[in-house]
Amino acid sequence: MMCSENGTKGLAALRRAVFALFAGRCAWAAPAGPEKFVRIADVAPGVILEPRYYSTYNFTGERLPGYDRPDMALCREAASALAKAEAMFEARGLRLKIYDAYRPARAVEYFYRWSLNGDVRMKSYFYPKLDKSVLHLKGYIALRSGHSRGSAVDCTLVDMKTGRELDMGGPFDLFDERSHYAARGLTKVQERSRAVLRSVMMECGFKGIRSEWWHFVLKDEPYPDTYFDFPLSDVGRLDTIGSE
């Protein structure tokens, strides 16, 4: 019992030490960049925006730093590809719903800080089968996120006739193996819904990942090594995607 307790304390201390290396207002993040981004609403107006990290309905239970308005943005290249996907989905009687896109690096830093505290108020919704202490070790919480590079989106599909989301077999941000794209136990309907989402996104230049059915990143992302940290309010309204 003593060894287990000491091991747990040692692991927690190690995690805090690693986080300390990256603290200090995200010193590794790019100092600027909003001029390289556009609001999704300006480029793909038919997309439904549900900014989960502006709201408190997310796994932390808090609005995240940098999400200072209920808006979403992407780098111009990713936004252009998303607009193509929007048109293809609408031709099928579907609409894209976006939960998250560009994510300021300060929000990712907040995720990691949150993973070290004792707040578990949203456990039953987002990680019911896991102890919060293992979220980082299992890869659910990271020190950096591809969302901060401006080319990633988290999304689902809505049936235009019914106004309801397609059944994907599990909700957004569920920290569970059921969120894996090829999870076991899915119904044929759920498998088909995931396949439709992924096939169109891939056709429009995105790629998916194994662990999250909702996550897509632009294959040829323009800033693969840059992590931006400006707040969403810094992204201005543009009339066209090519505006300067």
C-alpha atoms as a PDB file:
ATOM      1  CA  MET A   1       0.000   0.000   0.000  1.00  0.00           C
ATOM      2  CA  MET A   2       2.820   2.372   0.921  1.00  0.00           C
ATOM      3  CA  CYS A   3       4.705   1.627  -2.290  1.00  0.00           C
ATOM      4  CA  SER A   4       1.599   2.278  -4.364  1.00  0.00           C
ATOM      5  CA  GLU A   5       0.962   5.577  -2.570  1.00  0.00           C
ATOM      6  CA  ASN A   6       4.570   6.690  -2.983  1.00  0.00           C
ATOM      7  CA  GLY A   7       4.476   5.722  -6.631  1.00  0.00           C
ATOM      8  CA  THR A   8       1.332   7.756  -7.199  1.00  0.00           C
ATOM      9  CA  LYS A   9       2.848  10.784  -5.476  1.00  0.00           C
ATOM     10  CA  GLY A  10       6.039  10.411  -7.492  1.00  0.00           C
ATOM     11  CA  LEU A  11       4.098  10.215 -10.751  1.00  0.00           C
ATOM     12  CA  ALA A  12       2.103  13.326  -9.854  1.00  0.00           C
ATOM     13  CA  ALA A  13       5.319  15.176  -9.031  1.00  0.00           C
ATOM     14  CA  LEU A  14       6.834  14.154 -12.356  1.00  0.00           C
ATOM     15  CA  ARG A  15       3.778  15.347 -14.261  1.00  0.00           C
ATOM     16  CA  ARG A  16       3.911  18.707 -12.489  1.00  0.00           C
ATOM     17  CA  ALA A  17       7.613  19.034 -13.276  1.00  0.00           C
ATOM     18  CA  VAL A  18       7.014  18.334 -16.962  1.00  0.00           C
ATOM     19  CA  PHE A  19       4.193  20.845 -17.048  1.00  0.00           C
ATOM     20  CA  ALA A  20       6.428  23.471 -15.415  1.00  0.00           C
ATOM     21  CA  LEU A  21       8.752  23.247 -18.397  1.00  0.00           C
ATOM     22  CA  PHE A  22       5.909  24.391 -20.635  1.00  0.00           C
ATOM     23  CA  ALA A  23       4.307  26.919 -18.321  1.00  0.00           C
ATOM     24  CA  GLY A  24       4.869  30.644 -18.434  1.00  0.00           C
ATOM     25  CA  ARG A  25       2.170  31.773 -20.878  1.00  0.00           C
ATOM     26  CA  CYS A  26       3.040  29.175 -23.523  1.00  0.00           C
ATOM     27  CA  ALA A  27       6.497  30.503 -24.281  1.00  0.00           C
ATOM     28  CA  TRP A  28       6.766  28.086 -27.212  1.00  0.00           C
ATOM     29  CA  ALA A  29       3.670  29.458 -28.946  1.00  0.00           C
ATOM     30  CA  ALA A  30       3.792  31.800 -31.948  1.00  0.00           C
ATOM     31  CA  PRO A  31       3.472  35.475 -30.901  1.00  0.00           C
ATOM     32  CA  ALA A  32       1.102  36.490 -33.728  1.00  0.00           C
ATOM     33  CA  GLY A  33      -0.877  35.011 -36.594  1.00  0.00           C
ATOM     34  CA  PRO A  34      -4.532  36.134 -36.700  1.00  0.00           C
ATOM     35  CA  GLU A  35      -3.978  37.685 -40.129  1.00  0.00           C
ATOM     36  CA  LYS A  36      -3.441  34.138 -41.445  1.00  0.00           C
ATOM     37  CA  PHE A  37      -6.864  33.006 -40.191  1.00  0.00           C
ATOM     38  CA  VAL A  38     -10.519  33.489 -41.123  1.00  0.00           C
ATOM     39  CA  ARG A  39     -13.786  33.034 -39.265  1.00  0.00           C
ATOM     40  CA  ILE A  40     -15.547  29.832 -40.312  1.00  0.00           C
ATOM     41  CA  ALA A  41     -18.865  31.705 -40.468  1.00  0.00           C
ATOM     42  CA  ASP A  42     -17.455  34.000 -43.170  1.00  0.00           C
ATOM     43  CA  VAL A  43     -16.231  31.174 -45.392  1.00  0.00           C
ATOM     44  CA  ALA A  44     -18.705  28.351 -44.756  1.00  0.00           C
ATOM     45  CA  PRO A  45     -21.913  30.052 -43.566  1.00  0.00           C
ATOM     46  CA  GLY A  46     -23.964  26.861 -43.735  1.00  0.00           C
ATOM     47  CA  VAL A  47     -21.896  25.153 -41.053  1.00  0.00           C
ATOM     48  CA  ILE A  48     -23.469  24.884 -37.599  1.00  0.00           C
ATOM     49  CA  LEU A  49     -21.149  26.192 -34.893  1.00  0.00           C
ATOM     50  CA  GLU A  50     -21.373  24.794 -31.376  1.00  0.00           C
ATOM     51  CA  PRO A  51     -18.238  26.108 -29.628  1.00  0.00           C
ATOM     52  CA  ARG A  52     -17.969  23.712 -26.707  1.00  0.00           C
ATOM     53  CA  TYR A  53     -14.944  25.404 -25.154  1.00  0.00           C
ATOM     54  CA  TYR A  54     -16.647  28.793 -25.114  1.00  0.00           C
ATOM     55  CA  SER A  55     -19.435  27.143 -23.146  1.00  0.00           C
ATOM     56  CA  THR A  56     -19.069  25.272 -19.878  1.00  0.00           C
ATOM     57  CA  TYR A  57     -20.366  22.010 -21.353  1.00  0.00           C
ATOM     58  CA  ASN A  58     -16.966  20.421 -21.822  1.00  0.00           C
ATOM     59  CA  PHE A  59     -14.826  18.051 -19.783  1.00  0.00           C
ATOM     60  CA  THR A  60     -13.365  20.873 -17.648  1.00  0.00           C
ATOM     61  CA  GLY A  61     -16.724  22.500 -16.855  1.00  0.00           C
ATOM     62  CA  GLU A  62     -15.244  25.948 -17.577  1.00  0.00           C
ATOM     63  CA  ARG A  63     -14.918  28.362 -20.499  1.00  0.00           C
ATOM     64  CA  LEU A  64     -11.363  28.079 -21.737  1.00  0.00           C
ATOM     65  CA  PRO A  65      -8.775  30.873 -21.968  1.00  0.00           C
ATOM     66  CA  GLY A  66      -8.658  32.446 -25.429  1.00  0.00           C
ATOM     67  CA  TYR A  67     -12.283  31.582 -26.212  1.00  0.00           C
ATOM     68  CA  ASP A  68     -13.425  35.154 -25.642  1.00  0.00           C
ATOM     69  CA  ARG A  69     -16.324  35.052 -28.089  1.00  0.00           C
ATOM     70  CA  PRO A  70     -18.658  32.277 -29.353  1.00  0.00           C
ATOM     71  CA  ASP A  71     -16.873  31.964 -32.665  1.00  0.00           C
ATOM     72  CA  MET A  72     -14.554  29.630 -34.565  1.00  0.00           C
ATOM     73  CA  ALA A  73     -11.637  30.144 -36.925  1.00  0.00           C
ATOM     74  CA  LEU A  74      -9.182  28.236 -39.097  1.00  0.00           C
ATOM     75  CA  CYS A  75      -6.179  29.086 -41.209  1.00  0.00           C
ATOM     76  CA  ARG A  76      -7.308  30.123 -44.662  1.00  0.00           C
ATOM     77  CA  GLU A  77      -6.258  26.891 -46.349  1.00  0.00           C
ATOM     78  CA  ALA A  78      -8.205  24.704 -43.924  1.00  0.00           C
ATOM     79  CA  ALA A  79     -11.221  27.010 -44.092  1.00  0.00           C
ATOM     80  CA  SER A  80     -11.269  26.736 -47.883  1.00  0.00           C
ATOM     81  CA  ALA A  81     -11.214  22.922 -47.683  1.00  0.00           C
ATOM     82  CA  LEU A  82     -13.980  23.007 -45.067  1.00  0.00           C
ATOM     83  CA  ALA A  83     -16.164  25.108 -47.377  1.00  0.00           C
ATOM     84  CA  LYS A  84     -15.822  22.409 -50.049  1.00  0.00           C
ATOM     85  CA  ALA A  85     -16.833  19.760 -47.546  1.00  0.00           C
ATOM     86  CA  GLU A  86     -19.825  21.846 -46.489  1.00  0.00           C
ATOM     87  CA  ALA A  87     -21.074  21.999 -50.089  1.00  0.00           C
ATOM     88  CA  MET A  88     -20.659  18.241 -50.565  1.00  0.00           C
ATOM     89  CA  PHE A  89     -22.519  17.418 -47.376  1.00  0.00           C
ATOM     90  CA  GLU A  90     -25.373  19.776 -48.229  1.00  0.00           C
ATOM     91  CA  ALA A  91     -25.751  18.003 -51.574  1.00  0.00           C
ATOM     92  CA  ARG A  92     -26.410  14.867 -49.508  1.00  0.00           C
ATOM     93  CA  GLY A  93     -28.956  16.579 -47.279  1.00  0.00           C
ATOM     94  CA  LEU A  94     -26.510  16.951 -44.400  1.00  0.00           C
ATOM     95  CA  ARG A  95     -24.932  19.837 -42.520  1.00  0.00           C
ATOM     96  CA  LEU A  96     -21.621  19.982 -40.738  1.00  0.00           C
ATOM     97  CA  LYS A  97     -21.641  20.843 -37.054  1.00  0.00           C
ATOM     98  CA  ILE A  98     -18.299  22.041 -35.663  1.00  0.00           C
ATOM     99  CA  TYR A  99     -17.447  21.673 -31.974  1.00  0.00           C
ATOM    100  CA  ASP A 100     -13.947  23.111 -32.136  1.00  0.00           C
ATOM    101  CA  ALA A 101     -11.444  24.395 -34.673  1.00  0.00           C
ATOM    102  CA  TYR A 102      -8.517  26.730 -33.922  1.00  0.00           C
ATOM    103  CA  ARG A 103      -7.585  26.354 -30.258  1.00  0.00           C
ATOM    104  CA  PRO A 104      -5.319  28.969 -28.613  1.00  0.00           C
ATOM    105  CA  ALA A 105      -2.244  27.404 -27.025  1.00  0.00           C
ATOM    106  CA  ARG A 106      -3.223  28.923 -23.683  1.00  0.00           C
ATOM    107  CA  ALA A 107      -6.346  26.723 -23.712  1.00  0.00           C
ATOM    108  CA  VAL A 108      -4.211  23.615 -24.218  1.00  0.00           C
ATOM    109  CA  GLU A 109      -2.062  24.734 -21.308  1.00  0.00           C
ATOM    110  CA  TYR A 110      -5.239  25.058 -19.243  1.00  0.00           C
ATOM    111  CA  PHE A 111      -6.229  21.487 -20.128  1.00  0.00           C
ATOM    112  CA  TYR A 112      -2.982  20.209 -18.682  1.00  0.00           C
ATOM    113  CA  ARG A 113      -3.291  22.321 -15.536  1.00  0.00           C
ATOM    114  CA  TRP A 114      -6.821  21.025 -15.127  1.00  0.00           C
ATOM    115  CA  SER A 115      -5.611  17.413 -15.427  1.00  0.00           C
ATOM    116  CA  LEU A 116      -3.530  17.937 -12.264  1.00  0.00           C
ATOM    117  CA  ASN A 117      -6.309  19.289 -10.047  1.00  0.00           C
ATOM    118  CA  GLY A 118      -9.109  17.499  -8.217  1.00  0.00           C
ATOM    119  CA  ASP A 119     -12.067  18.865 -10.188  1.00  0.00           C
ATOM    120  CA  VAL A 120     -14.133  15.906 -11.440  1.00  0.00           C
ATOM    121  CA  ARG A 121     -17.548  17.544 -11.813  1.00  0.00           C
ATOM    122  CA  MET A 122     -17.834  16.524 -15.502  1.00  0.00           C
ATOM    123  CA  LYS A 123     -16.572  12.974 -15.046  1.00  0.00           C
ATOM    124  CA  SER A 124     -19.947  11.294 -15.568  1.00  0.00           C
ATOM    125  CA  TYR A 125     -20.342  13.012 -18.943  1.00  0.00           C
ATOM    126  CA  PHE A 126     -16.884  12.769 -20.497  1.00  0.00           C
ATOM    127  CA  TYR A 127     -14.719  10.163 -18.720  1.00  0.00           C
ATOM    128  CA  PRO A 128     -17.076   7.920 -16.727  1.00  0.00           C
ATOM    129  CA  LYS A 129     -14.868   4.826 -16.948  1.00  0.00           C
ATOM    130  CA  LEU A 130     -11.527   6.479 -16.175  1.00  0.00           C
ATOM    131  CA  ASP A 131      -9.837   8.020 -13.189  1.00  0.00           C
ATOM    132  CA  LYS A 132      -8.905  11.592 -14.014  1.00  0.00           C
ATOM    133  CA  SER A 133      -5.290  10.942 -13.005  1.00  0.00           C
ATOM    134  CA  VAL A 134      -4.718   8.690 -16.058  1.00  0.00           C
ATOM    135  CA  LEU A 135      -6.130  11.007 -18.741  1.00  0.00           C
ATOM    136  CA  HIS A 136      -2.710  12.402 -19.601  1.00  0.00           C
ATOM    137  CA  LEU A 137      -1.011   9.005 -19.485  1.00  0.00           C
ATOM    138  CA  LYS A 138      -3.581   7.577 -21.900  1.00  0.00           C
ATOM    139  CA  GLY A 139      -3.076  10.447 -24.338  1.00  0.00           C
ATOM    140  CA  TYR A 140      -6.372  12.237 -23.818  1.00  0.00           C
ATOM    141  CA  ILE A 141      -4.615  15.345 -22.477  1.00  0.00           C
ATOM    142  CA  ALA A 142      -1.426  16.614 -24.144  1.00  0.00           C
ATOM    143  CA  LEU A 143       0.970  19.523 -23.747  1.00  0.00           C
ATOM    144  CA  ARG A 144       0.377  20.615 -27.324  1.00  0.00           C
ATOM    145  CA  SER A 145      -2.517  20.273 -29.755  1.00  0.00           C
ATOM    146  CA  GLY A 146      -2.726  20.261 -33.526  1.00  0.00           C
ATOM    147  CA  HIS A 147      -5.744  22.541 -33.123  1.00  0.00           C
ATOM    148  CA  SER A 148      -3.343  25.338 -32.193  1.00  0.00           C
ATOM    149  CA  ARG A 149      -1.801  25.097 -35.663  1.00  0.00           C
ATOM    150  CA  GLY A 150      -5.136  26.198 -37.144  1.00  0.00           C
ATOM    151  CA  SER A 151      -5.782  23.252 -39.462  1.00  0.00           C
ATOM    152  CA  ALA A 152      -7.856  20.887 -37.306  1.00  0.00           C
ATOM    153  CA  VAL A 153     -11.603  20.599 -36.744  1.00  0.00           C
ATOM    154  CA  ASP A 154     -13.826  18.512 -34.487  1.00  0.00           C
ATOM    155  CA  CYS A 155     -17.149  17.866 -36.156  1.00  0.00           C
ATOM    156  CA  THR A 156     -20.250  15.758 -36.698  1.00  0.00           C
ATOM    157  CA  LEU A 157     -23.201  15.715 -39.111  1.00  0.00           C
ATOM    158  CA  VAL A 158     -26.809  16.878 -38.855  1.00  0.00           C
ATOM    159  CA  ASP A 159     -29.700  15.580 -40.975  1.00  0.00           C
ATOM    160  CA  MET A 160     -31.211  18.629 -42.701  1.00  0.00           C
ATOM    161  CA  LYS A 161     -34.707  17.093 -42.760  1.00  0.00           C
ATOM    162  CA  THR A 162     -34.939  16.158 -39.086  1.00  0.00           C
ATOM    163  CA  GLY A 163     -32.493  18.663 -37.619  1.00  0.00           C
ATOM    164  CA  ARG A 164     -30.968  15.857 -35.582  1.00  0.00           C
ATOM    165  CA  GLU A 165     -27.356  14.780 -35.367  1.00  0.00           C
ATOM    166  CA  LEU A 166     -26.492  11.495 -37.018  1.00  0.00           C
ATOM    167  CA  ASP A 167     -25.905   8.627 -34.615  1.00  0.00           C
ATOM    168  CA  MET A 168     -22.127   8.330 -34.331  1.00  0.00           C
ATOM    169  CA  GLY A 169     -22.179   5.789 -31.524  1.00  0.00           C
ATOM    170  CA  GLY A 170     -20.820   8.152 -28.897  1.00  0.00           C
ATOM    171  CA  PRO A 171     -20.636  11.876 -28.099  1.00  0.00           C
ATOM    172  CA  PHE A 172     -17.894  14.360 -28.852  1.00  0.00           C
ATOM    173  CA  ASP A 173     -14.989  14.382 -26.381  1.00  0.00           C
ATOM    174  CA  LEU A 174     -15.902  11.087 -24.735  1.00  0.00           C
ATOM    175  CA  PHE A 175     -12.634   9.757 -23.283  1.00  0.00           C
ATOM    176  CA  ASP A 176     -13.314   6.133 -24.081  1.00  0.00           C
ATOM    177  CA  GLU A 177     -12.394   3.481 -26.625  1.00  0.00           C
ATOM    178  CA  ARG A 178     -15.887   3.863 -28.073  1.00  0.00           C
ATOM    179  CA  SER A 179     -14.657   7.141 -29.558  1.00  0.00           C
ATOM    180  CA  HIS A 180     -12.150   5.259 -31.727  1.00  0.00           C
ATOM    181  CA  TYR A 181     -13.182   5.421 -35.365  1.00  0.00           C
ATOM    182  CA  ALA A 182     -13.302   1.632 -35.710  1.00  0.00           C
ATOM    183  CA  ALA A 183     -14.572   0.912 -32.189  1.00  0.00           C
ATOM    184  CA  ARG A 184     -16.088  -2.472 -31.480  1.00  0.00           C
ATOM    185  CA  GLY A 185     -19.798  -2.796 -30.843  1.00  0.00           C
ATOM    186  CA  LEU A 186     -21.011  -0.092 -33.221  1.00  0.00           C
ATOM    187  CA  THR A 187     -24.240  -0.658 -35.122  1.00  0.00           C
ATOM    188  CA  LYS A 188     -24.295  -0.615 -38.918  1.00  0.00           C
ATOM    189  CA  VAL A 189     -25.990   2.795 -38.800  1.00  0.00           C
ATOM    190  CA  GLN A 190     -23.266   4.211 -36.551  1.00  0.00           C
ATOM    191  CA  GLU A 191     -20.508   2.758 -38.728  1.00  0.00           C
ATOM    192  CA  ARG A 192     -22.129   4.240 -41.823  1.00  0.00           C
ATOM    193  CA  SER A 193     -22.502   7.668 -40.196  1.00  0.00           C
ATOM    194  CA  ARG A 194     -18.833   7.745 -39.273  1.00  0.00           C
ATOM    195  CA  ALA A 195     -17.851   6.543 -42.751  1.00  0.00           C
ATOM    196  CA  VAL A 196     -19.883   9.264 -44.484  1.00  0.00           C
ATOM    197  CA  LEU A 197     -18.280  11.961 -42.337  1.00  0.00           C
ATOM    198  CA  ARG A 198     -14.763  10.652 -42.877  1.00  0.00           C
ATOM    199  CA  SER A 199     -15.055   9.935 -46.605  1.00  0.00           C
ATOM    200  CA  VAL A 200     -16.176  13.456 -47.525  1.00  0.00           C
ATOM    201  CA  MET A 201     -13.670  15.129 -45.217  1.00  0.00           C
ATOM    202  CA  MET A 202     -10.871  13.053 -46.748  1.00  0.00           C
ATOM    203  CA  GLU A 203     -12.053  13.852 -50.274  1.00  0.00           C
ATOM    204  CA  CYS A 204     -11.777  17.544 -49.382  1.00  0.00           C
ATOM    205  CA  GLY A 205      -8.189  17.302 -48.165  1.00  0.00           C
ATOM    206  CA  PHE A 206      -8.481  16.304 -44.511  1.00  0.00           C
ATOM    207  CA  LYS A 207      -7.296  13.185 -42.736  1.00  0.00           C
ATOM    208  CA  GLY A 208      -8.805  11.506 -39.707  1.00  0.00           C
ATOM    209  CA  ILE A 209      -7.191   9.842 -36.725  1.00  0.00           C
ATOM    210  CA  ARG A 210      -7.744   6.436 -35.139  1.00  0.00           C
ATOM    211  CA  SER A 211      -8.690   7.561 -31.638  1.00  0.00           C
ATOM    212  CA  GLU A 212     -11.397  10.194 -32.322  1.00  0.00           C
ATOM    213  CA  TRP A 213     -14.125   9.799 -34.926  1.00  0.00           C
ATOM    214  CA  TRP A 214     -14.791  13.567 -34.884  1.00  0.00           C
ATOM    215  CA  HIS A 215     -11.237  14.876 -35.407  1.00  0.00           C
ATOM    216  CA  PHE A 216      -9.818  15.905 -38.794  1.00  0.00           C
ATOM    217  CA  VAL A 217      -6.691  17.795 -39.791  1.00  0.00           C
ATOM    218  CA  LEU A 218      -5.738  19.254 -43.167  1.00  0.00           C
ATOM    219  CA  LYS A 219      -3.265  16.904 -44.883  1.00  0.00           C
ATOM    220  CA  ASP A 220      -1.136  19.734 -46.250  1.00  0.00           C
ATOM    221  CA  GLU A 221      -1.372  22.051 -43.271  1.00  0.00           C
ATOM    222  CA  PRO A 222       0.549  25.291 -43.878  1.00  0.00           C
ATOM    223  CA  TYR A 223       1.923  25.706 -40.325  1.00  0.00           C
ATOM    224  CA  PRO A 224       2.904  22.185 -39.212  1.00  0.00           C
ATOM    225  CA  ASP A 225       5.414  23.416 -36.625  1.00  0.00           C
ATOM    226  CA  THR A 226       3.680  26.594 -35.425  1.00  0.00           C
ATOM    227  CA  TYR A 227       1.398  26.796 -32.389  1.00  0.00           C
ATOM    228  CA  PHE A 228      -0.634  30.006 -32.266  1.00  0.00           C
ATOM    229  CA  ASP A 229      -1.934  31.599 -29.076  1.00  0.00           C
ATOM    230  CA  PHE A 230      -4.008  34.655 -30.046  1.00  0.00           C
ATOM    231  CA  PRO A 231      -7.606  34.802 -28.726  1.00  0.00           C
ATOM    232  CA  LEU A 232     -10.500  34.227 -31.109  1.00  0.00           C
ATOM    233  CA  SER A 233     -11.513  37.876 -30.933  1.00  0.00           C
ATOM    234  CA  ASP A 234      -8.305  38.748 -32.824  1.00  0.00           C
ATOM    235  CA  VAL A 235      -9.608  37.105 -35.998  1.00  0.00           C
ATOM    236  CA  GLY A 236     -11.318  39.795 -38.088  1.00  0.00           C
ATOM    237  CA  ARG A 237     -14.253  39.488 -40.460  1.00  0.00           C
ATOM    238  CA  LEU A 238     -13.217  38.993 -44.072  1.00  0.00           C
ATOM    239  CA  ASP A 239     -15.409  39.319 -47.149  1.00  0.00           C
ATOM    240  CA  THR A 240     -13.546  36.628 -49.059  1.00  0.00           C
ATOM    241  CA  ILE A 241     -11.040  33.975 -48.194  1.00  0.00           C
ATOM    242  CA  GLY A 242      -8.409  35.703 -50.294  1.00  0.00           C
ATOM    243  CA  SER A 243      -8.668  39.064 -48.544  1.00  0.00           C
ATOM    244  CA  GLU A 244      -5.614  40.557 -46.908  1.00  0.00           C
END
